[in-house]
PDB file of N, CA and C in Angstrom:
ATOM      1  N   MET A   1       2.144   4.418 -10.551  1.00  0.00           N
ATOM      2  CA  MET A   1       1.138   3.552  -9.982  1.00  0.00           C
ATOM      3  C   MET A   1       0.557   2.700 -11.103  1.00  0.00           C
ATOM      4  N   PHE A   2       0.568   1.414 -10.922  1.00  0.00           N
ATOM      5  CA  PHE A   2      -0.022   0.529 -11.912  1.00  0.00           C
ATOM      6  C   PHE A   2      -0.769  -0.572 -11.196  1.00  0.00           C
ATOM      7  N   GLY A   3      -1.518  -1.339 -11.926  1.00  0.00           N
ATOM      8  CA  GLY A   3      -2.261  -2.447 -11.351  1.00  0.00           C
ATOM      9  C   GLY A   3      -3.604  -2.621 -12.026  1.00  0.00           C
ATOM     10  N   ILE A   4      -4.209  -3.748 -11.783  1.00  0.00           N
ATOM     11  CA  ILE A   4      -5.508  -4.069 -12.373  1.00  0.00           C
ATOM     12  C   ILE A   4      -6.635  -3.699 -11.417  1.00  0.00           C
ATOM     13  N   VAL A   5      -6.458  -3.978 -10.147  1.00  0.00           N
ATOM     14  CA  VAL A   5      -7.488  -3.727  -9.139  1.00  0.00           C
ATOM     15  C   VAL A   5      -7.429  -2.258  -8.736  1.00  0.00           C
ATOM     16  N   ARG A   6      -8.537  -1.565  -8.889  1.00  0.00           N
ATOM     17  CA  ARG A   6      -8.616  -0.155  -8.486  1.00  0.00           C
ATOM     18  C   ARG A   6      -9.896   0.048  -7.685  1.00  0.00           C
ATOM     19  N   PRO A   7      -9.845   0.885  -6.666  1.00  0.00           N
ATOM     20  CA  PRO A   7     -11.058   1.134  -5.883  1.00  0.00           C
ATOM     21  C   PRO A   7     -12.015   2.040  -6.654  1.00  0.00           C
ATOM     22  N   CYS A   8     -13.277   1.835  -6.438  1.00  0.00           N
ATOM     23  CA  CYS A   8     -14.300   2.692  -7.033  1.00  0.00           C
ATOM     24  C   CYS A   8     -14.604   3.776  -6.008  1.00  0.00           C
ATOM     25  N   SER A   9     -13.941   4.920  -6.142  1.00  0.00           N
ATOM     26  CA  SER A   9     -13.972   5.939  -5.089  1.00  0.00           C
ATOM     27  C   SER A   9     -15.357   6.540  -4.862  1.00  0.00           C
ATOM     28  N   HIS A  10     -16.199   6.573  -5.863  1.00  0.00           N
ATOM     29  CA  HIS A  10     -17.528   7.143  -5.634  1.00  0.00           C
ATOM     30  C   HIS A  10     -18.480   6.151  -4.972  1.00  0.00           C
ATOM     31  N   ARG A  11     -18.080   4.878  -4.884  1.00  0.00           N
ATOM     32  CA  ARG A  11     -18.910   3.882  -4.209  1.00  0.00           C
ATOM     33  C   ARG A  11     -18.422   3.570  -2.792  1.00  0.00           C
ATOM     34  N   LEU A  12     -17.180   3.909  -2.490  1.00  0.00           N
ATOM     35  CA  LEU A  12     -16.644   3.676  -1.148  1.00  0.00           C
ATOM     36  C   LEU A  12     -17.167   4.749  -0.196  1.00  0.00           C
ATOM     37  N   GLY A  13     -17.479   4.349   1.007  1.00  0.00           N
ATOM     38  CA  GLY A  13     -17.825   5.322   2.025  1.00  0.00           C
ATOM     39  C   GLY A  13     -16.559   5.978   2.561  1.00  0.00           C
ATOM     40  N   GLU A  14     -16.722   6.955   3.409  1.00  0.00           N
ATOM     41  CA  GLU A  14     -15.568   7.662   3.957  1.00  0.00           C
ATOM     42  C   GLU A  14     -14.663   6.734   4.769  1.00  0.00           C
ATOM     43  N   ARG A  15     -15.258   5.835   5.542  1.00  0.00           N
ATOM     44  CA  ARG A  15     -14.466   4.930   6.372  1.00  0.00           C
ATOM     45  C   ARG A  15     -13.657   3.961   5.520  1.00  0.00           C
ATOM     46  N   LEU A  16     -14.289   3.378   4.493  1.00  0.00           N
ATOM     47  CA  LEU A  16     -13.566   2.448   3.627  1.00  0.00           C
ATOM     48  C   LEU A  16     -12.501   3.159   2.798  1.00  0.00           C
ATOM     49  N   LYS A  17     -12.793   4.386   2.389  1.00  0.00           N
ATOM     50  CA  LYS A  17     -11.796   5.150   1.638  1.00  0.00           C
ATOM     51  C   LYS A  17     -10.593   5.458   2.521  1.00  0.00           C
ATOM     52  N   ALA A  18     -10.842   5.803   3.785  1.00  0.00           N
ATOM     53  CA  ALA A  18      -9.740   6.074   4.719  1.00  0.00           C
ATOM     54  C   ALA A  18      -8.928   4.803   4.976  1.00  0.00           C
ATOM     55  N   ASP A  19      -9.605   3.650   5.093  1.00  0.00           N
ATOM     56  CA  ASP A  19      -8.894   2.383   5.280  1.00  0.00           C
ATOM     57  C   ASP A  19      -8.036   2.051   4.053  1.00  0.00           C
ATOM     58  N   TRP A  20      -8.595   2.266   2.861  1.00  0.00           N
ATOM     59  CA  TRP A  20      -7.853   1.993   1.624  1.00  0.00           C
ATOM     60  C   TRP A  20      -6.601   2.861   1.556  1.00  0.00           C
ATOM     61  N   MET A  21      -6.741   4.149   1.877  1.00  0.00           N
ATOM     62  CA  MET A  21      -5.597   5.059   1.854  1.00  0.00           C
ATOM     63  C   MET A  21      -4.574   4.695   2.928  1.00  0.00           C
ATOM     64  N   ALA A  22      -5.047   4.189   4.075  1.00  0.00           N
ATOM     65  CA  ALA A  22      -4.128   3.756   5.128  1.00  0.00           C
ATOM     66  C   ALA A  22      -3.254   2.609   4.629  1.00  0.00           C
ATOM     67  N   HIS A  23      -3.846   1.707   3.878  1.00  0.00           N
ATOM     68  CA  HIS A  23      -3.072   0.588   3.334  1.00  0.00           C
ATOM     69  C   HIS A  23      -2.139   1.057   2.215  1.00  0.00           C
ATOM     70  N   LEU A  24      -2.612   1.999   1.396  1.00  0.00           N
ATOM     71  CA  LEU A  24      -1.768   2.517   0.323  1.00  0.00           C
ATOM     72  C   LEU A  24      -0.542   3.231   0.889  1.00  0.00           C
ATOM     73  N   CYS A  25      -0.754   4.078   1.870  1.00  0.00           N
ATOM     74  CA  CYS A  25       0.367   4.787   2.497  1.00  0.00           C
ATOM     75  C   CYS A  25       1.275   3.809   3.248  1.00  0.00           C
ATOM     76  N   GLY A  26       0.688   2.807   3.886  1.00  0.00           N
ATOM     77  CA  GLY A  26       1.485   1.802   4.580  1.00  0.00           C
ATOM     78  C   GLY A  26       2.371   1.012   3.632  1.00  0.00           C
ATOM     79  N   LEU A  27       1.834   0.689   2.454  1.00  0.00           N
ATOM     80  CA  LEU A  27       2.623  -0.015   1.439  1.00  0.00           C
ATOM     81  C   LEU A  27       3.786   0.838   0.979  1.00  0.00           C
ATOM     82  N   CYS A  28       3.514   2.090   0.687  1.00  0.00           N
ATOM     83  CA  CYS A  28       4.566   3.007   0.230  1.00  0.00           C
ATOM     84  C   CYS A  28       5.665   3.162   1.286  1.00  0.00           C
ATOM     85  N   LEU A  29       5.261   3.315   2.537  1.00  0.00           N
ATOM     86  CA  LEU A  29       6.244   3.470   3.613  1.00  0.00           C
ATOM     87  C   LEU A  29       7.010   2.175   3.875  1.00  0.00           C
ATOM     88  N   ALA A  30       6.356   1.024   3.718  1.00  0.00           N
ATOM     89  CA  ALA A  30       7.054  -0.256   3.882  1.00  0.00           C
ATOM     90  C   ALA A  30       8.082  -0.447   2.777  1.00  0.00           C
ATOM     91  N   LEU A  31       7.738  -0.040   1.566  1.00  0.00           N
ATOM     92  CA  LEU A  31       8.714  -0.121   0.468  1.00  0.00           C
ATOM     93  C   LEU A  31       9.926   0.743   0.765  1.00  0.00           C
ATOM     94  N   ARG A  32       9.695   1.956   1.250  1.00  0.00           N
ATOM     95  CA  ARG A  32      10.808   2.853   1.569  1.00  0.00           C
ATOM     96  C   ARG A  32      11.667   2.299   2.696  1.00  0.00           C
ATOM     97  N   ARG A  33      11.028   1.802   3.737  1.00  0.00           N
ATOM     98  CA  ARG A  33      11.760   1.321   4.906  1.00  0.00           C
ATOM     99  C   ARG A  33      12.587   0.076   4.587  1.00  0.00           C
ATOM    100  N   ASP A  34      11.998  -0.866   3.857  1.00  0.00           N
ATOM    101  CA  ASP A  34      12.672  -2.150   3.633  1.00  0.00           C
ATOM    102  C   ASP A  34      13.547  -2.192   2.386  1.00  0.00           C
ATOM    103  N   HIS A  35      13.242  -1.341   1.388  1.00  0.00           N
ATOM    104  CA  HIS A  35      13.934  -1.475   0.104  1.00  0.00           C
ATOM    105  C   HIS A  35      14.493  -0.175  -0.441  1.00  0.00           C
ATOM    106  N   GLY A  36      14.325   0.933   0.274  1.00  0.00           N
ATOM    107  CA  GLY A  36      14.902   2.204  -0.157  1.00  0.00           C
ATOM    108  C   GLY A  36      13.895   3.115  -0.840  1.00  0.00           C
ATOM    109  N   GLN A  37      14.275   4.370  -0.936  1.00  0.00           N
ATOM    110  CA  GLN A  37      13.396   5.403  -1.482  1.00  0.00           C
ATOM    111  C   GLN A  37      12.963   5.104  -2.913  1.00  0.00           C
ATOM    112  N   PHE A  38      13.869   4.612  -3.729  1.00  0.00           N
ATOM    113  CA  PHE A  38      13.577   4.347  -5.137  1.00  0.00           C
ATOM    114  C   PHE A  38      12.521   3.257  -5.311  1.00  0.00           C
ATOM    115  N   ALA A  39      12.422   2.345  -4.354  1.00  0.00           N
ATOM    116  CA  ALA A  39      11.458   1.240  -4.452  1.00  0.00           C
ATOM    117  C   ALA A  39      10.014   1.727  -4.372  1.00  0.00           C
ATOM    118  N   ARG A  40       9.795   2.938  -3.908  1.00  0.00           N
ATOM    119  CA  ARG A  40       8.431   3.468  -3.814  1.00  0.00           C
ATOM    120  C   ARG A  40       7.778   3.624  -5.182  1.00  0.00           C
ATOM    121  N   LEU A  41       8.577   3.618  -6.233  1.00  0.00           N
ATOM    122  CA  LEU A  41       8.033   3.725  -7.590  1.00  0.00           C
ATOM    123  C   LEU A  41       7.186   2.517  -7.978  1.00  0.00           C
ATOM    124  N   VAL A  42       7.373   1.400  -7.305  1.00  0.00           N
ATOM    125  CA  VAL A  42       6.637   0.191  -7.679  1.00  0.00           C
ATOM    126  C   VAL A  42       5.360   0.003  -6.859  1.00  0.00           C
ATOM    127  N   THR A  43       4.939   1.029  -6.141  1.00  0.00           N
ATOM    128  CA  THR A  43       3.679   0.955  -5.398  1.00  0.00           C
ATOM    129  C   THR A  43       2.552   0.694  -6.384  1.00  0.00           C
ATOM    130  N   ASN A  44       1.767  -0.354  -6.132  1.00  0.00           N
ATOM    131  CA  ASN A  44       0.650  -0.639  -7.038  1.00  0.00           C
ATOM    132  C   ASN A  44      -0.557  -1.158  -6.277  1.00  0.00           C
ATOM    133  N   TYR A  45      -1.696  -1.067  -6.920  1.00  0.00           N
ATOM    134  CA  TYR A  45      -2.949  -1.446  -6.285  1.00  0.00           C
ATOM    135  C   TYR A  45      -3.061  -2.965  -6.092  1.00  0.00           C
ATOM    136  N   ASP A  46      -2.471  -3.747  -6.969  1.00  0.00           N
ATOM    137  CA  ASP A  46      -2.574  -5.198  -6.842  1.00  0.00           C
ATOM    138  C   ASP A  46      -1.840  -5.688  -5.601  1.00  0.00           C
ATOM    139  N   GLY A  47      -0.671  -5.158  -5.338  1.00  0.00           N
ATOM    140  CA  GLY A  47       0.054  -5.512  -4.122  1.00  0.00           C
ATOM    141  C   GLY A  47      -0.663  -5.008  -2.886  1.00  0.00           C
ATOM    142  N   LEU A  48      -1.315  -3.875  -3.026  1.00  0.00           N
ATOM    143  CA  LEU A  48      -2.066  -3.277  -1.911  1.00  0.00           C
ATOM    144  C   LEU A  48      -3.186  -4.190  -1.444  1.00  0.00           C
ATOM    145  N   LEU A  49      -3.774  -4.904  -2.375  1.00  0.00           N
ATOM    146  CA  LEU A  49      -4.861  -5.819  -2.037  1.00  0.00           C
ATOM    147  C   LEU A  49      -4.397  -6.894  -1.056  1.00  0.00           C
ATOM    148  N   VAL A  50      -3.131  -7.285  -1.132  1.00  0.00           N
ATOM    149  CA  VAL A  50      -2.577  -8.266  -0.200  1.00  0.00           C
ATOM    150  C   VAL A  50      -2.604  -7.717   1.231  1.00  0.00           C
ATOM    151  N   SER A  51      -2.258  -6.460   1.392  1.00  0.00           N
ATOM    152  CA  SER A  51      -2.287  -5.835   2.711  1.00  0.00           C
ATOM    153  C   SER A  51      -3.712  -5.784   3.259  1.00  0.00           C
ATOM    154  N   VAL A  52      -4.657  -5.413   2.411  1.00  0.00           N
ATOM    155  CA  VAL A  52      -6.064  -5.332   2.825  1.00  0.00           C
ATOM    156  C   VAL A  52      -6.577  -6.707   3.246  1.00  0.00           C
ATOM    157  N   LEU A  53      -6.286  -7.731   2.453  1.00  0.00           N
ATOM    158  CA  LEU A  53      -6.768  -9.084   2.768  1.00  0.00           C
ATOM    159  C   LEU A  53      -6.090  -9.660   4.003  1.00  0.00           C
ATOM    160  N   THR A  54      -4.816  -9.346   4.209  1.00  0.00           N
ATOM    161  CA  THR A  54      -4.120  -9.819   5.404  1.00  0.00           C
ATOM    162  C   THR A  54      -4.741  -9.228   6.660  1.00  0.00           C
ATOM    163  N   GLU A  55      -5.044  -7.935   6.624  1.00  0.00           N
ATOM    164  CA  GLU A  55      -5.681  -7.309   7.780  1.00  0.00           C
ATOM    165  C   GLU A  55      -7.091  -7.854   7.995  1.00  0.00           C
ATOM    166  N   ALA A  56      -7.797  -8.145   6.914  1.00  0.00           N
ATOM    167  CA  ALA A  56      -9.151  -8.689   7.040  1.00  0.00           C
ATOM    168  C   ALA A  56      -9.130 -10.079   7.677  1.00  0.00           C
ATOM    169  N   GLN A  57      -8.127 -10.873   7.356  1.00  0.00           N
ATOM    170  CA  GLN A  57      -8.025 -12.205   7.944  1.00  0.00           C
ATOM    171  C   GLN A  57      -7.620 -12.159   9.403  1.00  0.00           C
ATOM    172  N   ASN A  58      -6.720 -11.250   9.749  1.00  0.00           N
ATOM    173  CA  ASN A  58      -6.243 -11.161  11.125  1.00  0.00           C
ATOM    174  C   ASN A  58      -7.215 -10.455  12.039  1.00  0.00           C
ATOM    175  N   GLY A  59      -8.095  -9.650  11.479  1.00  0.00           N
ATOM    176  CA  GLY A  59      -9.014  -8.874  12.290  1.00  0.00           C
ATOM    177  C   GLY A  59      -8.325  -7.664  12.875  1.00  0.00           C
ATOM    178  N   PRO A  60      -9.080  -6.816  13.557  1.00  0.00           N
ATOM    179  CA  PRO A  60      -8.470  -5.620  14.139  1.00  0.00           C
ATOM    180  C   PRO A  60      -7.515  -5.973  15.278  1.00  0.00           C
ATOM    181  N   VAL A  61      -6.256  -5.621  15.111  1.00  0.00           N
ATOM    182  CA  VAL A  61      -5.230  -5.895  16.109  1.00  0.00           C
ATOM    183  C   VAL A  61      -4.600  -4.560  16.488  1.00  0.00           C
ATOM    184  N   SER A  62      -4.391  -4.351  17.765  1.00  0.00           N
ATOM    185  CA  SER A  62      -3.753  -3.098  18.179  1.00  0.00           C
ATOM    186  C   SER A  62      -2.309  -3.077  17.693  1.00  0.00           C
ATOM    187  N   GLY A  63      -1.855  -1.908  17.297  1.00  0.00           N
ATOM    188  CA  GLY A  63      -0.490  -1.765  16.820  1.00  0.00           C
ATOM    189  C   GLY A  63      -0.336  -1.955  15.328  1.00  0.00           C
ATOM    190  N   THR A  64      -1.439  -2.149  14.596  1.00  0.00           N
ATOM    191  CA  THR A  64      -1.329  -2.319  13.147  1.00  0.00           C
ATOM    192  C   THR A  64      -1.464  -0.995  12.408  1.00  0.00           C
ATOM    193  N   ARG A  65      -1.740   0.082  13.129  1.00  0.00           N
ATOM    194  CA  ARG A  65      -1.830   1.409  12.515  1.00  0.00           C
ATOM    195  C   ARG A  65      -0.924   2.366  13.270  1.00  0.00           C
ATOM    196  N   ARG A  66      -0.371   3.321  12.573  1.00  0.00           N
ATOM    197  CA  ARG A  66       0.421   4.379  13.194  1.00  0.00           C
ATOM    198  C   ARG A  66       0.151   5.668  12.437  1.00  0.00           C
ATOM    199  N   THR A  67       0.500   6.774  13.030  1.00  0.00           N
ATOM    200  CA  THR A  67       0.335   8.069  12.381  1.00  0.00           C
ATOM    201  C   THR A  67       1.620   8.412  11.648  1.00  0.00           C
ATOM    202  N   ALA A  68       1.490   8.658  10.356  1.00  0.00           N
ATOM    203  CA  ALA A  68       2.644   9.024   9.536  1.00  0.00           C
ATOM    204  C   ALA A  68       2.714  10.537   9.420  1.00  0.00           C
ATOM    205  N   GLY A  69       3.887  11.026   9.153  1.00  0.00           N
ATOM    206  CA  GLY A  69       4.097  12.460   8.988  1.00  0.00           C
ATOM    207  C   GLY A  69       3.505  12.976   7.688  1.00  0.00           C
ATOM    208  N   PRO A  70       3.657  14.251   7.429  1.00  0.00           N
ATOM    209  CA  PRO A  70       3.104  14.856   6.220  1.00  0.00           C
ATOM    210  C   PRO A  70       3.717  14.264   4.954  1.00  0.00           C
ATOM    211  N   CYS A  71       2.901  14.164   3.930  1.00  0.00           N
ATOM    212  CA  CYS A  71       3.343  13.640   2.632  1.00  0.00           C
ATOM    213  C   CYS A  71       2.759  14.524   1.538  1.00  0.00           C
ATOM    214  N   ALA A  72       3.527  14.765   0.512  1.00  0.00           N
ATOM    215  CA  ALA A  72       3.057  15.597  -0.595  1.00  0.00           C
ATOM    216  C   ALA A  72       1.873  14.961  -1.323  1.00  0.00           C
ATOM    217  N   LEU A  73       1.838  13.644  -1.400  1.00  0.00           N
ATOM    218  CA  LEU A  73       0.735  12.971  -2.082  1.00  0.00           C
ATOM    219  C   LEU A  73      -0.566  13.023  -1.285  1.00  0.00           C
ATOM    220  N   ARG A  74      -0.462  13.328   0.002  1.00  0.00           N
ATOM    221  CA  ARG A  74      -1.657  13.492   0.837  1.00  0.00           C
ATOM    222  C   ARG A  74      -1.948  14.962   1.085  1.00  0.00           C
ATOM    223  N   GLY A  75      -1.368  15.848   0.332  1.00  0.00           N
ATOM    224  CA  GLY A  75      -1.574  17.271   0.542  1.00  0.00           C
ATOM    225  C   GLY A  75      -0.896  17.775   1.801  1.00  0.00           C
ATOM    226  N   MET A  76       0.256  17.201   2.123  1.00  0.00           N
ATOM    227  CA  MET A  76       1.049  17.563   3.309  1.00  0.00           C
ATOM    228  C   MET A  76       0.266  17.389   4.611  1.00  0.00           C
ATOM    229  N   ARG A  77      -0.607  16.406   4.643  1.00  0.00           N
ATOM    230  CA  ARG A  77      -1.352  16.085   5.863  1.00  0.00           C
ATOM    231  C   ARG A  77      -0.798  14.802   6.463  1.00  0.00           C
ATOM    232  N   THR A  78      -0.964  14.657   7.766  1.00  0.00           N
ATOM    233  CA  THR A  78      -0.619  13.398   8.412  1.00  0.00           C
ATOM    234  C   THR A  78      -1.775  12.434   8.187  1.00  0.00           C
ATOM    235  N   ALA A  79      -1.518  11.154   8.412  1.00  0.00           N
ATOM    236  CA  ALA A  79      -2.570  10.158   8.215  1.00  0.00           C
ATOM    237  C   ALA A  79      -2.263   8.916   9.033  1.00  0.00           C
ATOM    238  N   SER A  80      -3.293   8.168   9.298  1.00  0.00           N
ATOM    239  CA  SER A  80      -3.145   6.862   9.912  1.00  0.00           C
ATOM    240  C   SER A  80      -2.776   5.885   8.805  1.00  0.00           C
ATOM    241  N   VAL A  81      -1.697   5.125   8.998  1.00  0.00           N
ATOM    242  CA  VAL A  81      -1.245   4.195   7.965  1.00  0.00           C
ATOM    243  C   VAL A  81      -1.119   2.790   8.543  1.00  0.00           C
ATOM    244  N   ALA A  82      -1.321   1.805   7.675  1.00  0.00           N
ATOM    245  CA  ALA A  82      -1.185   0.408   8.071  1.00  0.00           C
ATOM    246  C   ALA A  82       0.291   0.061   8.176  1.00  0.00           C
ATOM    247  N   GLN A  83       0.621  -0.781   9.106  1.00  0.00           N
ATOM    248  CA  GLN A  83       1.996  -1.254   9.252  1.00  0.00           C
ATOM    249  C   GLN A  83       1.950  -2.703   9.674  1.00  0.00           C
ATOM    250  N   GLY A  84       3.073  -3.354   9.648  1.00  0.00           N
ATOM    251  CA  GLY A  84       3.146  -4.737  10.103  1.00  0.00           C
ATOM    252  C   GLY A  84       3.351  -5.705   8.962  1.00  0.00           C
ATOM    253  N   ASP A  85       2.974  -6.954   9.219  1.00  0.00           N
ATOM    254  CA  ASP A  85       3.232  -8.026   8.261  1.00  0.00           C
ATOM    255  C   ASP A  85       2.489  -7.839   6.945  1.00  0.00           C
ATOM    256  N   GLY A  86       1.261  -7.345   7.007  1.00  0.00           N
ATOM    257  CA  GLY A  86       0.488  -7.139   5.782  1.00  0.00           C
ATOM    258  C   GLY A  86       1.140  -6.134   4.853  1.00  0.00           C
ATOM    259  N   ALA A  87       1.607  -5.034   5.400  1.00  0.00           N
ATOM    260  CA  ALA A  87       2.267  -4.011   4.585  1.00  0.00           C
ATOM    261  C   ALA A  87       3.595  -4.528   4.028  1.00  0.00           C
ATOM    262  N   ARG A  88       4.327  -5.277   4.827  1.00  0.00           N
ATOM    263  CA  ARG A  88       5.605  -5.822   4.352  1.00  0.00           C
ATOM    264  C   ARG A  88       5.398  -6.870   3.263  1.00  0.00           C
ATOM    265  N   LEU A  89       4.368  -7.698   3.421  1.00  0.00           N
ATOM    266  CA  LEU A  89       4.050  -8.691   2.397  1.00  0.00           C
ATOM    267  C   LEU A  89       3.599  -8.002   1.115  1.00  0.00           C
ATOM    268  N   ALA A  90       2.801  -6.958   1.243  1.00  0.00           N
ATOM    269  CA  ALA A  90       2.354  -6.199   0.073  1.00  0.00           C
ATOM    270  C   ALA A  90       3.537  -5.551  -0.632  1.00  0.00           C
ATOM    271  N   ALA A  91       4.529  -5.087   0.121  1.00  0.00           N
ATOM    272  CA  ALA A  91       5.724  -4.499  -0.482  1.00  0.00           C
ATOM    273  C   ALA A  91       6.478  -5.541  -1.303  1.00  0.00           C
ATOM    274  N   ALA A  92       6.597  -6.733  -0.770  1.00  0.00           N
ATOM    275  CA  ALA A  92       7.277  -7.805  -1.505  1.00  0.00           C
ATOM    276  C   ALA A  92       6.518  -8.165  -2.779  1.00  0.00           C
ATOM    277  N   VAL A  93       5.192  -8.232  -2.684  1.00  0.00           N
ATOM    278  CA  VAL A  93       4.372  -8.538  -3.857  1.00  0.00           C
ATOM    279  C   VAL A  93       4.517  -7.437  -4.903  1.00  0.00           C
ATOM    280  N   SER A  94       4.555  -6.186  -4.478  1.00  0.00           N
ATOM    281  CA  SER A  94       4.718  -5.075  -5.417  1.00  0.00           C
ATOM    282  C   SER A  94       6.043  -5.171  -6.163  1.00  0.00           C
ATOM    283  N   LEU A  95       7.103  -5.545  -5.452  1.00  0.00           N
ATOM    284  CA  LEU A  95       8.403  -5.695  -6.109  1.00  0.00           C
ATOM    285  C   LEU A  95       8.400  -6.839  -7.114  1.00  0.00           C
ATOM    286  N   VAL A  96       7.754  -7.933  -6.778  1.00  0.00           N
ATOM    287  CA  VAL A  96       7.676  -9.072  -7.699  1.00  0.00           C
ATOM    288  C   VAL A  96       6.857  -8.703  -8.934  1.00  0.00           C
ATOM    289  N   LEU A  97       5.738  -8.007  -8.746  1.00  0.00           N
ATOM    290  CA  LEU A  97       4.915  -7.597  -9.882  1.00  0.00           C
ATOM    291  C   LEU A  97       5.650  -6.615 -10.781  1.00  0.00           C
ATOM    292  N   ALA A  98       6.397  -5.704 -10.190  1.00  0.00           N
ATOM    293  CA  ALA A  98       7.174  -4.756 -10.989  1.00  0.00           C
ATOM    294  C   ALA A  98       8.260  -5.474 -11.775  1.00  0.00           C
ATOM    295  N   SER A  99       8.890  -6.459 -11.155  1.00  0.00           N
ATOM    296  CA  SER A  99       9.914  -7.242 -11.839  1.00  0.00           C
ATOM    297  C   SER A  99       9.319  -7.986 -13.030  1.00  0.00           C
ATOM    298  N   ALA A 100       8.141  -8.583 -12.845  1.00  0.00           N
ATOM    299  CA  ALA A 100       7.480  -9.295 -13.940  1.00  0.00           C
ATOM    300  C   ALA A 100       7.090  -8.340 -15.061  1.00  0.00           C
ATOM    301  N   LYS A 101       6.648  -7.134 -14.694  1.00  0.00           N
ATOM    302  CA  LYS A 101       6.279  -6.154 -15.717  1.00  0.00           C
ATOM    303  C   LYS A 101       7.482  -5.726 -16.530  1.00  0.00           C
ATOM    304  N   VAL A 102       8.609  -5.502 -15.878  1.00  0.00           N
ATOM    305  CA  VAL A 102       9.838  -5.127 -16.595  1.00  0.00           C
ATOM    306  C   VAL A 102      10.285  -6.277 -17.490  1.00  0.00           C
ATOM    307  N   ARG A 103      10.206  -7.502 -16.978  1.00  0.00           N
ATOM    308  CA  ARG A 103      10.586  -8.667 -17.779  1.00  0.00           C
ATOM    309  C   ARG A 103       9.709  -8.786 -19.025  1.00  0.00           C
ATOM    310  N   ASP A 104       8.405  -8.518 -18.892  1.00  0.00           N
ATOM    311  CA  ASP A 104       7.511  -8.552 -20.041  1.00  0.00           C
ATOM    312  C   ASP A 104       7.882  -7.488 -21.080  1.00  0.00           C
ATOM    313  N   HIS A 105       8.229  -6.305 -20.605  1.00  0.00           N
ATOM    314  CA  HIS A 105       8.597  -5.235 -21.526  1.00  0.00           C
ATOM    315  C   HIS A 105       9.899  -5.557 -22.253  1.00  0.00           C
ATOM    316  N   VAL A 106      10.830  -6.192 -21.547  1.00  0.00           N
ATOM    317  CA  VAL A 106      12.099  -6.564 -22.182  1.00  0.00           C
ATOM    318  C   VAL A 106      11.873  -7.634 -23.237  1.00  0.00           C
ATOM    319  N   ALA A 107      11.022  -8.610 -22.911  1.00  0.00           N
ATOM    320  CA  ALA A 107      10.739  -9.705 -23.863  1.00  0.00           C
ATOM    321  C   ALA A 107       9.961  -9.165 -25.049  1.00  0.00           C
TER     322      ALA A 107
END
């Protein structure tokens, strides 16, 4: 996990923390679905912000959340996760940011 933007967990309320985690899990699952299991390594907070802002612009729309199965990173609990265009766009941004980071390290 890398990125510049990080949530301040002690300042977020329970609802905002749950929304943030829904977007984080949605990003991870979108990376797996569209780009394969290995692509989940590039999950980052900066790309996640794209998903959050996309949902904020579109407003609450039915069908943008689903229940995901158990995950080890969530303590083997199920959770409501974001899905749709915002998560897919965030996945693409995460891949581009990871590519730029690798390019910087090579240079």
